Amino acid sequence: MFAHLLLLASFGLLWIYLHFKQRYRFWAVHNVPYMEPSFPVGNVADTLKPTIHFAHIIEKLYKRLKSSGDYVGIYFFRDPVLLVLSPEFARTILVKDFNYFVDRGVYSNEEVDPLSANLFFME
């Protein structure tokens, strides 16, 4: 019985690991320059430290990657996230190519929080 549970747990952990590895190929498949992720936190391992704010983590990534071009792919745990590094490219996304980038990945409820009803939280 114990061997069955151990085998089942091993297969479960192997499946989780392989799932993450497959997800971590997203930017390579789409030919986007990306930062190599760490299993299972991606590129945001510092989010697990309660003393560092998320904005500082993004700022650190920006400073490290700003010489890479207009944009770079990072991973927030298992999810791929496009980090725009150039103000000109951000303007192009928000004006010209807006229809392709409408899902911001951030939930907002306009009825509860009217200040969240802005361009950056639209879906």
PDB file of N, CA and C in Angstrom:
ATOM      1  N   MET A   1       0.827  -1.194   0.000  1.00  0.00           N
ATOM      2  CA  MET A   1       0.000   0.000   0.000  1.00  0.00           C
ATOM      3  C   MET A   1       0.874   1.261   0.000  1.00  0.00           C
ATOM      4  N   PHE A   2       1.904   1.272   0.848  1.00  0.00           N
ATOM      5  CA  PHE A   2       2.794   2.428   0.911  1.00  0.00           C
ATOM      6  C   PHE A   2       3.526   2.630  -0.416  1.00  0.00           C
ATOM      7  N   ALA A   3       3.908   1.516  -1.051  1.00  0.00           N
ATOM      8  CA  ALA A   3       4.604   1.596  -2.337  1.00  0.00           C
ATOM      9  C   ALA A   3       3.696   2.211  -3.403  1.00  0.00           C
ATOM     10  N   HIS A   4       2.405   1.864  -3.365  1.00  0.00           N
ATOM     11  CA  HIS A   4       1.453   2.441  -4.320  1.00  0.00           C
ATOM     12  C   HIS A   4       1.320   3.947  -4.118  1.00  0.00           C
ATOM     13  N   LEU A   5       1.230   4.364  -2.875  1.00  0.00           N
ATOM     14  CA  LEU A   5       1.120   5.797  -2.589  1.00  0.00           C
ATOM     15  C   LEU A   5       2.384   6.541  -3.002  1.00  0.00           C
ATOM     16  N   LEU A   6       3.525   5.932  -2.744  1.00  0.00           N
ATOM     17  CA  LEU A   6       4.793   6.543  -3.136  1.00  0.00           C
ATOM     18  C   LEU A   6       4.900   6.646  -4.657  1.00  0.00           C
ATOM     19  N   LEU A   7       4.484   5.602  -5.351  1.00  0.00           N
ATOM     20  CA  LEU A   7       4.496   5.608  -6.810  1.00  0.00           C
ATOM     21  C   LEU A   7       3.534   6.659  -7.360  1.00  0.00           C
ATOM     22  N   LEU A   8       2.352   6.753  -6.785  1.00  0.00           N
ATOM     23  CA  LEU A   8       1.366   7.745  -7.214  1.00  0.00           C
ATOM     24  C   LEU A   8       1.876   9.164  -6.967  1.00  0.00           C
ATOM     25  N   ALA A   9       2.476   9.399  -5.817  1.00  0.00           N
ATOM     26  CA  ALA A   9       3.036  10.721  -5.512  1.00  0.00           C
ATOM     27  C   ALA A   9       4.187  11.051  -6.463  1.00  0.00           C
ATOM     28  N   SER A  10       5.008  10.058  -6.777  1.00  0.00           N
ATOM     29  CA  SER A  10       6.118  10.279  -7.709  1.00  0.00           C
ATOM     30  C   SER A  10       5.609  10.655  -9.096  1.00  0.00           C
ATOM     31  N   PHE A  11       4.589   9.948  -9.572  1.00  0.00           N
ATOM     32  CA  PHE A  11       4.014  10.285 -10.876  1.00  0.00           C
ATOM     33  C   PHE A  11       3.380  11.671 -10.852  1.00  0.00           C
ATOM     34  N   GLY A  12       2.738  12.012  -9.756  1.00  0.00           N
ATOM     35  CA  GLY A  12       2.139  13.342  -9.630  1.00  0.00           C
ATOM     36  C   GLY A  12       3.187  14.442  -9.684  1.00  0.00           C
ATOM     37  N   LEU A  13       4.266  14.265  -8.946  1.00  0.00           N
ATOM     38  CA  LEU A  13       5.346  15.258  -8.957  1.00  0.00           C
ATOM     39  C   LEU A  13       6.029  15.330 -10.317  1.00  0.00           C
ATOM     40  N   LEU A  14       6.202  14.187 -10.966  1.00  0.00           N
ATOM     41  CA  LEU A  14       6.789  14.168 -12.304  1.00  0.00           C
ATOM     42  C   LEU A  14       5.892  14.896 -13.296  1.00  0.00           C
ATOM     43  N   TRP A  15       4.581  14.677 -13.212  1.00  0.00           N
ATOM     44  CA  TRP A  15       3.641  15.360 -14.100  1.00  0.00           C
ATOM     45  C   TRP A  15       3.697  16.873 -13.886  1.00  0.00           C
ATOM     46  N   ILE A  16       3.738  17.315 -12.633  1.00  0.00           N
ATOM     47  CA  ILE A  16       3.819  18.751 -12.333  1.00  0.00           C
ATOM     48  C   ILE A  16       5.104  19.333 -12.916  1.00  0.00           C
ATOM     49  N   TYR A  17       6.223  18.654 -12.725  1.00  0.00           N
ATOM     50  CA  TYR A  17       7.505  19.132 -13.244  1.00  0.00           C
ATOM     51  C   TYR A  17       7.481  19.227 -14.772  1.00  0.00           C
ATOM     52  N   LEU A  18       6.981  18.194 -15.437  1.00  0.00           N
ATOM     53  CA  LEU A  18       6.928  18.206 -16.899  1.00  0.00           C
ATOM     54  C   LEU A  18       5.969  19.274 -17.413  1.00  0.00           C
ATOM     55  N   HIS A  19       4.883  19.495 -16.690  1.00  0.00           N
ATOM     56  CA  HIS A  19       3.936  20.554 -17.060  1.00  0.00           C
ATOM     57  C   HIS A  19       4.617  21.920 -16.999  1.00  0.00           C
ATOM     58  N   PHE A  20       5.360  22.179 -15.943  1.00  0.00           N
ATOM     59  CA  PHE A  20       6.083  23.443 -15.819  1.00  0.00           C
ATOM     60  C   PHE A  20       7.123  23.579 -16.930  1.00  0.00           C
ATOM     61  N   LYS A  21       7.871  22.515 -17.210  1.00  0.00           N
ATOM     62  CA  LYS A  21       8.889  22.581 -18.260  1.00  0.00           C
ATOM     63  C   LYS A  21       8.251  22.903 -19.617  1.00  0.00           C
ATOM     64  N   GLN A  22       7.082  22.321 -19.874  1.00  0.00           N
ATOM     65  CA  GLN A  22       6.389  22.601 -21.129  1.00  0.00           C
ATOM     66  C   GLN A  22       5.919  24.049 -21.159  1.00  0.00           C
ATOM     67  N   ARG A  23       5.402  24.557 -20.054  1.00  0.00           N
ATOM     68  CA  ARG A  23       4.964  25.956 -19.983  1.00  0.00           C
ATOM     69  C   ARG A  23       6.149  26.907 -20.122  1.00  0.00           C
ATOM     70  N   TYR A  24       7.301  26.510 -19.623  1.00  0.00           N
ATOM     71  CA  TYR A  24       8.487  27.359 -19.679  1.00  0.00           C
ATOM     72  C   TYR A  24       9.115  27.416 -21.077  1.00  0.00           C
ATOM     73  N   ARG A  25       8.541  26.736 -22.043  1.00  0.00           N
ATOM     74  CA  ARG A  25       9.010  26.816 -23.424  1.00  0.00           C
ATOM     75  C   ARG A  25       8.209  27.828 -24.238  1.00  0.00           C
ATOM     76  N   PHE A  26       7.229  28.480 -23.636  1.00  0.00           N
ATOM     77  CA  PHE A  26       6.314  29.367 -24.362  1.00  0.00           C
ATOM     78  C   PHE A  26       7.058  30.439 -25.153  1.00  0.00           C
ATOM     79  N   TRP A  27       7.960  31.171 -24.505  1.00  0.00           N
ATOM     80  CA  TRP A  27       8.647  32.269 -25.193  1.00  0.00           C
ATOM     81  C   TRP A  27       9.623  31.745 -26.241  1.00  0.00           C
ATOM     82  N   ALA A  28      10.238  30.608 -26.006  1.00  0.00           N
ATOM     83  CA  ALA A  28      11.151  30.034 -26.999  1.00  0.00           C
ATOM     84  C   ALA A  28      10.388  29.637 -28.260  1.00  0.00           C
ATOM     85  N   VAL A  29       9.207  29.059 -28.095  1.00  0.00           N
ATOM     86  CA  VAL A  29       8.387  28.654 -29.235  1.00  0.00           C
ATOM     87  C   VAL A  29       7.952  29.871 -30.049  1.00  0.00           C
ATOM     88  N   HIS A  30       7.682  30.988 -29.379  1.00  0.00           N
ATOM     89  CA  HIS A  30       7.220  32.197 -30.057  1.00  0.00           C
ATOM     90  C   HIS A  30       8.367  33.141 -30.449  1.00  0.00           C
ATOM     91  N   ASN A  31       9.594  32.678 -30.347  1.00  0.00           N
ATOM     92  CA  ASN A  31      10.788  33.450 -30.733  1.00  0.00           C
ATOM     93  C   ASN A  31      10.855  34.827 -30.081  1.00  0.00           C
ATOM     94  N   VAL A  32      10.565  34.872 -28.797  1.00  0.00           N
ATOM     95  CA  VAL A  32      10.658  36.103 -28.013  1.00  0.00           C
ATOM     96  C   VAL A  32      11.853  35.949 -27.079  1.00  0.00           C
ATOM     97  N   PRO A  33      12.722  36.958 -26.998  1.00  0.00           N
ATOM     98  CA  PRO A  33      13.822  36.853 -26.029  1.00  0.00           C
ATOM     99  C   PRO A  33      13.253  36.730 -24.621  1.00  0.00           C
ATOM    100  N   TYR A  34      13.820  35.844 -23.834  1.00  0.00           N
ATOM    101  CA  TYR A  34      13.260  35.605 -22.505  1.00  0.00           C
ATOM    102  C   TYR A  34      14.364  35.320 -21.504  1.00  0.00           C
ATOM    103  N   MET A  35      13.996  35.480 -20.249  1.00  0.00           N
ATOM    104  CA  MET A  35      14.898  35.184 -19.144  1.00  0.00           C
ATOM    105  C   MET A  35      14.618  33.754 -18.691  1.00  0.00           C
ATOM    106  N   GLU A  36      15.648  32.973 -18.528  1.00  0.00           N
ATOM    107  CA  GLU A  36      15.498  31.563 -18.148  1.00  0.00           C
ATOM    108  C   GLU A  36      14.825  31.460 -16.781  1.00  0.00           C
ATOM    109  N   PRO A  37      13.696  30.731 -16.682  1.00  0.00           N
ATOM    110  CA  PRO A  37      12.970  30.636 -15.411  1.00  0.00           C
ATOM    111  C   PRO A  37      13.542  29.581 -14.476  1.00  0.00           C
ATOM    112  N   SER A  38      13.191  29.702 -13.213  1.00  0.00           N
ATOM    113  CA  SER A  38      13.549  28.715 -12.194  1.00  0.00           C
ATOM    114  C   SER A  38      12.286  27.977 -11.766  1.00  0.00           C
ATOM    115  N   PHE A  39      12.366  26.670 -11.687  1.00  0.00           N
ATOM    116  CA  PHE A  39      11.222  25.863 -11.257  1.00  0.00           C
ATOM    117  C   PHE A  39      11.032  26.009  -9.757  1.00  0.00           C
ATOM    118  N   PRO A  40       9.857  26.211  -9.251  1.00  0.00           N
ATOM    119  CA  PRO A  40       8.555  26.461  -9.847  1.00  0.00           C
ATOM    120  C   PRO A  40       8.141  27.929  -9.823  1.00  0.00           C
ATOM    121  N   VAL A  41       9.045  28.842  -9.511  1.00  0.00           N
ATOM    122  CA  VAL A  41       8.658  30.247  -9.320  1.00  0.00           C
ATOM    123  C   VAL A  41       8.865  31.105 -10.557  1.00  0.00           C
ATOM    124  N   GLY A  42       9.428  30.582 -11.613  1.00  0.00           N
ATOM    125  CA  GLY A  42       9.674  31.387 -12.802  1.00  0.00           C
ATOM    126  C   GLY A  42      10.786  32.388 -12.551  1.00  0.00           C
ATOM    127  N   ASN A  43      10.525  33.655 -12.852  1.00  0.00           N
ATOM    128  CA  ASN A  43      11.524  34.707 -12.671  1.00  0.00           C
ATOM    129  C   ASN A  43      11.223  35.599 -11.480  1.00  0.00           C
ATOM    130  N   VAL A  44      10.263  35.233 -10.673  1.00  0.00           N
ATOM    131  CA  VAL A  44       9.841  36.106  -9.569  1.00  0.00           C
ATOM    132  C   VAL A  44       9.996  35.418  -8.215  1.00  0.00           C
ATOM    133  N   ALA A  45      11.137  34.799  -7.993  1.00  0.00           N
ATOM    134  CA  ALA A  45      11.378  34.094  -6.732  1.00  0.00           C
ATOM    135  C   ALA A  45      11.315  35.036  -5.539  1.00  0.00           C
ATOM    136  N   ASP A  46      11.654  36.309  -5.762  1.00  0.00           N
ATOM    137  CA  ASP A  46      11.645  37.269  -4.656  1.00  0.00           C
ATOM    138  C   ASP A  46      10.243  37.569  -4.141  1.00  0.00           C
ATOM    139  N   THR A  47       9.190  37.189  -4.884  1.00  0.00           N
ATOM    140  CA  THR A  47       7.830  37.430  -4.392  1.00  0.00           C
ATOM    141  C   THR A  47       7.537  36.614  -3.143  1.00  0.00           C
ATOM    142  N   LEU A  48       8.308  35.577  -2.911  1.00  0.00           N
ATOM    143  CA  LEU A  48       8.101  34.755  -1.721  1.00  0.00           C
ATOM    144  C   LEU A  48       8.684  35.397  -0.471  1.00  0.00           C
ATOM    145  N   LYS A  49       9.490  36.437  -0.656  1.00  0.00           N
ATOM    146  CA  LYS A  49      10.056  37.164   0.481  1.00  0.00           C
ATOM    147  C   LYS A  49       9.101  38.291   0.861  1.00  0.00           C
ATOM    148  N   PRO A  50       8.615  38.307   2.086  1.00  0.00           N
ATOM    149  CA  PRO A  50       7.625  39.334   2.455  1.00  0.00           C
ATOM    150  C   PRO A  50       8.203  40.739   2.575  1.00  0.00           C
ATOM    151  N   THR A  51       9.511  40.881   2.514  1.00  0.00           N
ATOM    152  CA  THR A  51      10.122  42.203   2.691  1.00  0.00           C
ATOM    153  C   THR A  51      10.308  42.958   1.379  1.00  0.00           C
ATOM    154  N   ILE A  52      10.083  42.306   0.243  1.00  0.00           N
ATOM    155  CA  ILE A  52      10.298  42.941  -1.054  1.00  0.00           C
ATOM    156  C   ILE A  52       8.958  43.120  -1.756  1.00  0.00           C
ATOM    157  N   HIS A  53       8.645  44.349  -2.135  1.00  0.00           N
ATOM    158  CA  HIS A  53       7.396  44.643  -2.831  1.00  0.00           C
ATOM    159  C   HIS A  53       7.504  44.202  -4.290  1.00  0.00           C
ATOM    160  N   PHE A  54       6.371  43.813  -4.863  1.00  0.00           N
ATOM    161  CA  PHE A  54       6.343  43.327  -6.236  1.00  0.00           C
ATOM    162  C   PHE A  54       6.867  44.377  -7.219  1.00  0.00           C
ATOM    163  N   ALA A  55       6.594  45.649  -6.970  1.00  0.00           N
ATOM    164  CA  ALA A  55       7.074  46.713  -7.859  1.00  0.00           C
ATOM    165  C   ALA A  55       8.599  46.754  -7.897  1.00  0.00           C
ATOM    166  N   HIS A  56       9.241  46.480  -6.781  1.00  0.00           N
ATOM    167  CA  HIS A  56      10.708  46.459  -6.746  1.00  0.00           C
ATOM    168  C   HIS A  56      11.265  45.261  -7.520  1.00  0.00           C
ATOM    169  N   ILE A  57      10.537  44.159  -7.508  1.00  0.00           N
ATOM    170  CA  ILE A  57      10.960  42.978  -8.266  1.00  0.00           C
ATOM    171  C   ILE A  57      10.912  43.280  -9.761  1.00  0.00           C
ATOM    172  N   ILE A  58       9.824  43.901 -10.210  1.00  0.00           N
ATOM    173  CA  ILE A  58       9.693  44.261 -11.621  1.00  0.00           C
ATOM    174  C   ILE A  58      10.753  45.294 -12.004  1.00  0.00           C
ATOM    175  N   GLU A  59      11.018  46.249 -11.108  1.00  0.00           N
ATOM    176  CA  GLU A  59      12.046  47.256 -11.376  1.00  0.00           C
ATOM    177  C   GLU A  59      13.421  46.599 -11.538  1.00  0.00           C
ATOM    178  N   LYS A  60      13.714  45.624 -10.683  1.00  0.00           N
ATOM    179  CA  LYS A  60      14.996  44.916 -10.768  1.00  0.00           C
ATOM    180  C   LYS A  60      15.101  44.138 -12.088  1.00  0.00           C
ATOM    181  N   LEU A  61      14.008  43.489 -12.487  1.00  0.00           N
ATOM    182  CA  LEU A  61      14.001  42.784 -13.768  1.00  0.00           C
ATOM    183  C   LEU A  61      14.175  43.766 -14.924  1.00  0.00           C
ATOM    184  N   TYR A  62      13.507  44.917 -14.843  1.00  0.00           N
ATOM    185  CA  TYR A  62      13.613  45.929 -15.892  1.00  0.00           C
ATOM    186  C   TYR A  62      15.053  46.409 -16.042  1.00  0.00           C
ATOM    187  N   LYS A  63      15.696  46.727 -14.929  1.00  0.00           N
ATOM    188  CA  LYS A  63      17.071  47.228 -14.989  1.00  0.00           C
ATOM    189  C   LYS A  63      18.030  46.172 -15.534  1.00  0.00           C
ATOM    190  N   ARG A  64      17.781  44.916 -15.204  1.00  0.00           N
ATOM    191  CA  ARG A  64      18.648  43.843 -15.672  1.00  0.00           C
ATOM    192  C   ARG A  64      18.449  43.566 -17.167  1.00  0.00           C
ATOM    193  N   LEU A  65      17.222  43.750 -17.666  1.00  0.00           N
ATOM    194  CA  LEU A  65      16.893  43.321 -19.021  1.00  0.00           C
ATOM    195  C   LEU A  65      16.724  44.453 -20.028  1.00  0.00           C
ATOM    196  N   LYS A  66      16.833  45.716 -19.608  1.00  0.00           N
ATOM    197  CA  LYS A  66      16.508  46.823 -20.511  1.00  0.00           C
ATOM    198  C   LYS A  66      17.414  46.896 -21.739  1.00  0.00           C
ATOM    199  N   SER A  67      18.573  46.302 -21.691  1.00  0.00           N
ATOM    200  CA  SER A  67      19.453  46.292 -22.865  1.00  0.00           C
ATOM    201  C   SER A  67      19.094  45.172 -23.846  1.00  0.00           C
ATOM    202  N   SER A  68      18.085  44.358 -23.524  1.00  0.00           N
ATOM    203  CA  SER A  68      17.707  43.221 -24.367  1.00  0.00           C
ATOM    204  C   SER A  68      16.879  43.606 -25.580  1.00  0.00           C
ATOM    205  N   GLY A  69      16.309  44.802 -25.595  1.00  0.00           N
ATOM    206  CA  GLY A  69      15.465  45.218 -26.710  1.00  0.00           C
ATOM    207  C   GLY A  69      14.213  45.917 -26.209  1.00  0.00           C
ATOM    208  N   ASP A  70      13.180  45.899 -27.041  1.00  0.00           N
ATOM    209  CA  ASP A  70      11.929  46.577 -26.702  1.00  0.00           C
ATOM    210  C   ASP A  70      11.071  45.792 -25.717  1.00  0.00           C
ATOM    211  N   TYR A  71      11.223  44.482 -25.702  1.00  0.00           N
ATOM    212  CA  TYR A  71      10.405  43.635 -24.839  1.00  0.00           C
ATOM    213  C   TYR A  71      11.165  42.354 -24.534  1.00  0.00           C
ATOM    214  N   VAL A  72      10.707  41.676 -23.496  1.00  0.00           N
ATOM    215  CA  VAL A  72      11.314  40.404 -23.107  1.00  0.00           C
ATOM    216  C   VAL A  72      10.241  39.570 -22.414  1.00  0.00           C
ATOM    217  N   GLY A  73      10.353  38.269 -22.522  1.00  0.00           N
ATOM    218  CA  GLY A  73       9.408  37.377 -21.868  1.00  0.00           C
ATOM    219  C   GLY A  73       9.929  36.950 -20.503  1.00  0.00           C
ATOM    220  N   ILE A  74       9.055  36.988 -19.511  1.00  0.00           N
ATOM    221  CA  ILE A  74       9.386  36.479 -18.182  1.00  0.00           C
ATOM    222  C   ILE A  74       8.277  35.522 -17.771  1.00  0.00           C
ATOM    223  N   TYR A  75       8.480  34.847 -16.672  1.00  0.00           N
ATOM    224  CA  TYR A  75       7.485  33.910 -16.161  1.00  0.00           C
ATOM    225  C   TYR A  75       7.122  34.288 -14.740  1.00  0.00           C
ATOM    226  N   PHE A  76       5.824  34.459 -14.510  1.00  0.00           N
ATOM    227  CA  PHE A  76       5.296  34.691 -13.171  1.00  0.00           C
ATOM    228  C   PHE A  76       4.763  33.352 -12.689  1.00  0.00           C
ATOM    229  N   PHE A  77       5.579  32.645 -11.920  1.00  0.00           N
ATOM    230  CA  PHE A  77       5.364  31.254 -11.550  1.00  0.00           C
ATOM    231  C   PHE A  77       5.278  30.442 -12.832  1.00  0.00           C
ATOM    232  N   ARG A  78       4.120  29.976 -13.262  1.00  0.00           N
ATOM    233  CA  ARG A  78       4.067  29.181 -14.488  1.00  0.00           C
ATOM    234  C   ARG A  78       3.525  29.960 -15.675  1.00  0.00           C
ATOM    235  N   ASP A  79       3.085  31.194 -15.456  1.00  0.00           N
ATOM    236  CA  ASP A  79       2.443  31.973 -16.506  1.00  0.00           C
ATOM    237  C   ASP A  79       3.436  32.869 -17.241  1.00  0.00           C
ATOM    238  N   PRO A  80       3.424  32.816 -18.583  1.00  0.00           N
ATOM    239  CA  PRO A  80       4.287  33.717 -19.349  1.00  0.00           C
ATOM    240  C   PRO A  80       3.735  35.140 -19.317  1.00  0.00           C
ATOM    241  N   VAL A  81       4.630  36.116 -19.137  1.00  0.00           N
ATOM    242  CA  VAL A  81       4.254  37.528 -19.073  1.00  0.00           C
ATOM    243  C   VAL A  81       5.212  38.303 -19.970  1.00  0.00           C
ATOM    244  N   LEU A  82       4.657  39.172 -20.813  1.00  0.00           N
ATOM    245  CA  LEU A  82       5.485  40.016 -21.668  1.00  0.00           C
ATOM    246  C   LEU A  82       5.826  41.281 -20.901  1.00  0.00           C
ATOM    247  N   LEU A  83       7.110  41.527 -20.701  1.00  0.00           N
ATOM    248  CA  LEU A  83       7.578  42.724 -20.009  1.00  0.00           C
ATOM    249  C   LEU A  83       8.055  43.708 -21.072  1.00  0.00           C
ATOM    250  N   VAL A  84       7.304  44.804 -21.226  1.00  0.00           N
ATOM    251  CA  VAL A  84       7.632  45.819 -22.225  1.00  0.00           C
ATOM    252  C   VAL A  84       8.669  46.757 -21.626  1.00  0.00           C
ATOM    253  N   LEU A  85       9.787  46.920 -22.318  1.00  0.00           N
ATOM    254  CA  LEU A  85      10.908  47.694 -21.796  1.00  0.00           C
ATOM    255  C   LEU A  85      11.037  49.073 -22.433  1.00  0.00           C
ATOM    256  N   SER A  86      10.446  49.268 -23.583  1.00  0.00           N
ATOM    257  CA  SER A  86      10.585  50.517 -24.322  1.00  0.00           C
ATOM    258  C   SER A  86       9.296  51.337 -24.255  1.00  0.00           C
ATOM    259  N   PRO A  87       9.377  52.621 -23.901  1.00  0.00           N
ATOM    260  CA  PRO A  87       8.172  53.464 -23.889  1.00  0.00           C
ATOM    261  C   PRO A  87       7.524  53.579 -25.273  1.00  0.00           C
ATOM    262  N   GLU A  88       8.328  53.596 -26.322  1.00  0.00           N
ATOM    263  CA  GLU A  88       7.774  53.681 -27.676  1.00  0.00           C
ATOM    264  C   GLU A  88       6.984  52.418 -28.020  1.00  0.00           C
ATOM    265  N   PHE A  89       7.510  51.275 -27.615  1.00  0.00           N
ATOM    266  CA  PHE A  89       6.807  50.019 -27.880  1.00  0.00           C
ATOM    267  C   PHE A  89       5.531  49.937 -27.044  1.00  0.00           C
ATOM    268  N   ALA A  90       5.576  50.413 -25.813  1.00  0.00           N
ATOM    269  CA  ALA A  90       4.373  50.447 -24.972  1.00  0.00           C
ATOM    270  C   ALA A  90       3.313  51.338 -25.608  1.00  0.00           C
ATOM    271  N   ARG A  91       3.708  52.465 -26.160  1.00  0.00           N
ATOM    272  CA  ARG A  91       2.769  53.363 -26.828  1.00  0.00           C
ATOM    273  C   ARG A  91       2.146  52.665 -28.036  1.00  0.00           C
ATOM    274  N   THR A  92       2.954  51.941 -28.795  1.00  0.00           N
ATOM    275  CA  THR A  92       2.440  51.206 -29.954  1.00  0.00           C
ATOM    276  C   THR A  92       1.404  50.174 -29.521  1.00  0.00           C
ATOM    277  N   ILE A  93       1.679  49.463 -28.443  1.00  0.00           N
ATOM    278  CA  ILE A  93       0.744  48.451 -27.945  1.00  0.00           C
ATOM    279  C   ILE A  93      -0.558  49.093 -27.488  1.00  0.00           C
ATOM    280  N   LEU A  94      -0.463  50.185 -26.743  1.00  0.00           N
ATOM    281  CA  LEU A  94      -1.655  50.800 -26.157  1.00  0.00           C
ATOM    282  C   LEU A  94      -2.479  51.599 -27.158  1.00  0.00           C
ATOM    283  N   VAL A  95      -1.898  51.975 -28.291  1.00  0.00           N
ATOM    284  CA  VAL A  95      -2.637  52.774 -29.269  1.00  0.00           C
ATOM    285  C   VAL A  95      -2.932  51.961 -30.531  1.00  0.00           C
ATOM    286  N   LYS A  96      -1.894  51.590 -31.249  1.00  0.00           N
ATOM    287  CA  LYS A  96      -2.070  50.951 -32.551  1.00  0.00           C
ATOM    288  C   LYS A  96      -2.531  49.495 -32.440  1.00  0.00           C
ATOM    289  N   ASP A  97      -1.885  48.714 -31.588  1.00  0.00           N
ATOM    290  CA  ASP A  97      -2.168  47.279 -31.477  1.00  0.00           C
ATOM    291  C   ASP A  97      -3.016  46.942 -30.259  1.00  0.00           C
ATOM    292  N   PHE A  98      -3.828  47.871 -29.812  1.00  0.00           N
ATOM    293  CA  PHE A  98      -4.608  47.681 -28.592  1.00  0.00           C
ATOM    294  C   PHE A  98      -5.496  46.441 -28.649  1.00  0.00           C
ATOM    295  N   ASN A  99      -6.098  46.161 -29.798  1.00  0.00           N
ATOM    296  CA  ASN A  99      -7.024  45.025 -29.913  1.00  0.00           C
ATOM    297  C   ASN A  99      -6.349  43.676 -29.694  1.00  0.00           C
ATOM    298  N   TYR A 100      -5.033  43.613 -29.862  1.00  0.00           N
ATOM    299  CA  TYR A 100      -4.318  42.352 -29.666  1.00  0.00           C
ATOM    300  C   TYR A 100      -3.851  42.151 -28.226  1.00  0.00           C
ATOM    301  N   PHE A 101      -3.903  43.191 -27.417  1.00  0.00           N
ATOM    302  CA  PHE A 101      -3.385  43.136 -26.054  1.00  0.00           C
ATOM    303  C   PHE A 101      -4.440  43.548 -25.030  1.00  0.00           C
ATOM    304  N   VAL A 102      -5.700  43.187 -25.242  1.00  0.00           N
ATOM    305  CA  VAL A 102      -6.756  43.695 -24.366  1.00  0.00           C
ATOM    306  C   VAL A 102      -6.825  42.990 -23.020  1.00  0.00           C
ATOM    307  N   ASP A 103      -6.425  41.747 -22.922  1.00  0.00           N
ATOM    308  CA  ASP A 103      -6.516  41.031 -21.647  1.00  0.00           C
ATOM    309  C   ASP A 103      -5.278  41.322 -20.811  1.00  0.00           C
ATOM    310  N   ARG A 104      -5.453  42.095 -19.764  1.00  0.00           N
ATOM    311  CA  ARG A 104      -4.327  42.526 -18.938  1.00  0.00           C
ATOM    312  C   ARG A 104      -3.993  41.522 -17.829  1.00  0.00           C
ATOM    313  N   GLY A 105      -4.880  40.547 -17.583  1.00  0.00           N
ATOM    314  CA  GLY A 105      -4.606  39.559 -16.554  1.00  0.00           C
ATOM    315  C   GLY A 105      -4.836  40.047 -15.142  1.00  0.00           C
ATOM    316  N   VAL A 106      -5.483  41.206 -14.992  1.00  0.00           N
ATOM    317  CA  VAL A 106      -5.747  41.765 -13.667  1.00  0.00           C
ATOM    318  C   VAL A 106      -7.253  41.918 -13.516  1.00  0.00           C
ATOM    319  N   TYR A 107      -7.803  41.365 -12.452  1.00  0.00           N
ATOM    320  CA  TYR A 107      -9.235  41.469 -12.206  1.00  0.00           C
ATOM    321  C   TYR A 107      -9.561  42.823 -11.594  1.00  0.00           C
ATOM    322  N   SER A 108     -10.622  43.435 -12.077  1.00  0.00           N
ATOM    323  CA  SER A 108     -11.107  44.674 -11.475  1.00  0.00           C
ATOM    324  C   SER A 108     -12.627  44.657 -11.483  1.00  0.00           C
ATOM    325  N   ASN A 109     -13.213  45.191 -10.427  1.00  0.00           N
ATOM    326  CA  ASN A 109     -14.658  45.284 -10.312  1.00  0.00           C
ATOM    327  C   ASN A 109     -15.010  46.764 -10.226  1.00  0.00           C
ATOM    328  N   GLU A 110     -15.557  47.295 -11.302  1.00  0.00           N
ATOM    329  CA  GLU A 110     -15.837  48.724 -11.379  1.00  0.00           C
ATOM    330  C   GLU A 110     -16.900  49.168 -10.384  1.00  0.00           C
ATOM    331  N   GLU A 111     -17.822  48.274 -10.035  1.00  0.00           N
ATOM    332  CA  GLU A 111     -18.885  48.646  -9.097  1.00  0.00           C
ATOM    333  C   GLU A 111     -18.347  48.792  -7.682  1.00  0.00           C
ATOM    334  N   VAL A 112     -17.437  47.926  -7.291  1.00  0.00           N
ATOM    335  CA  VAL A 112     -16.872  47.972  -5.945  1.00  0.00           C
ATOM    336  C   VAL A 112     -15.757  49.016  -5.856  1.00  0.00           C
ATOM    337  N   ASP A 113     -14.928  49.070  -6.885  1.00  0.00           N
ATOM    338  CA  ASP A 113     -13.792  49.991  -6.899  1.00  0.00           C
ATOM    339  C   ASP A 113     -13.804  50.796  -8.196  1.00  0.00           C
ATOM    340  N   PRO A 114     -14.494  51.942  -8.220  1.00  0.00           N
ATOM    341  CA  PRO A 114     -14.600  52.719  -9.460  1.00  0.00           C
ATOM    342  C   PRO A 114     -13.257  53.214  -9.996  1.00  0.00           C
ATOM    343  N   LEU A 115     -12.255  53.363  -9.138  1.00  0.00           N
ATOM    344  CA  LEU A 115     -10.953  53.832  -9.606  1.00  0.00           C
ATOM    345  C   LEU A 115     -10.216  52.789 -10.438  1.00  0.00           C
ATOM    346  N   SER A 116     -10.653  51.538 -10.351  1.00  0.00           N
ATOM    347  CA  SER A 116     -10.010  50.493 -11.147  1.00  0.00           C
ATOM    348  C   SER A 116     -10.531  50.471 -12.582  1.00  0.00           C
ATOM    349  N   ALA A 117     -11.502  51.290 -12.899  1.00  0.00           N
ATOM    350  CA  ALA A 117     -12.059  51.348 -14.253  1.00  0.00           C
ATOM    351  C   ALA A 117     -11.179  52.247 -15.118  1.00  0.00           C
ATOM    352  N   ASN A 118     -10.027  51.733 -15.508  1.00  0.00           N
ATOM    353  CA  ASN A 118      -9.133  52.502 -16.368  1.00  0.00           C
ATOM    354  C   ASN A 118      -8.549  51.595 -17.444  1.00  0.00           C
ATOM    355  N   LEU A 119      -7.802  52.176 -18.328  1.00  0.00           N
ATOM    356  CA  LEU A 119      -7.271  51.478 -19.496  1.00  0.00           C
ATOM    357  C   LEU A 119      -6.424  50.261 -19.136  1.00  0.00           C
ATOM    358  N   PHE A 120      -5.681  50.324 -18.055  1.00  0.00           N
ATOM    359  CA  PHE A 120      -4.759  49.245 -17.727  1.00  0.00           C
ATOM    360  C   PHE A 120      -5.442  48.012 -17.150  1.00  0.00           C
ATOM    361  N   PHE A 121      -6.694  48.129 -16.706  1.00  0.00           N
ATOM    362  CA  PHE A 121      -7.402  46.988 -16.144  1.00  0.00           C
ATOM    363  C   PHE A 121      -8.505  46.473 -17.059  1.00  0.00           C
ATOM    364  N   MET A 122      -8.641  47.024 -18.251  1.00  0.00           N
ATOM    365  CA  MET A 122      -9.696  46.593 -19.170  1.00  0.00           C
ATOM    366  C   MET A 122      -9.446  45.175 -19.652  1.00  0.00           C
ATOM    367  N   GLU A 123     -10.543  44.485 -19.949  1.00  0.00           N
ATOM    368  CA  GLU A 123     -10.445  43.162 -20.573  1.00  0.00           C
ATOM    369  C   GLU A 123     -11.198  43.175 -21.873  1.00  0.00           C
TER     370      GLU A 123
END
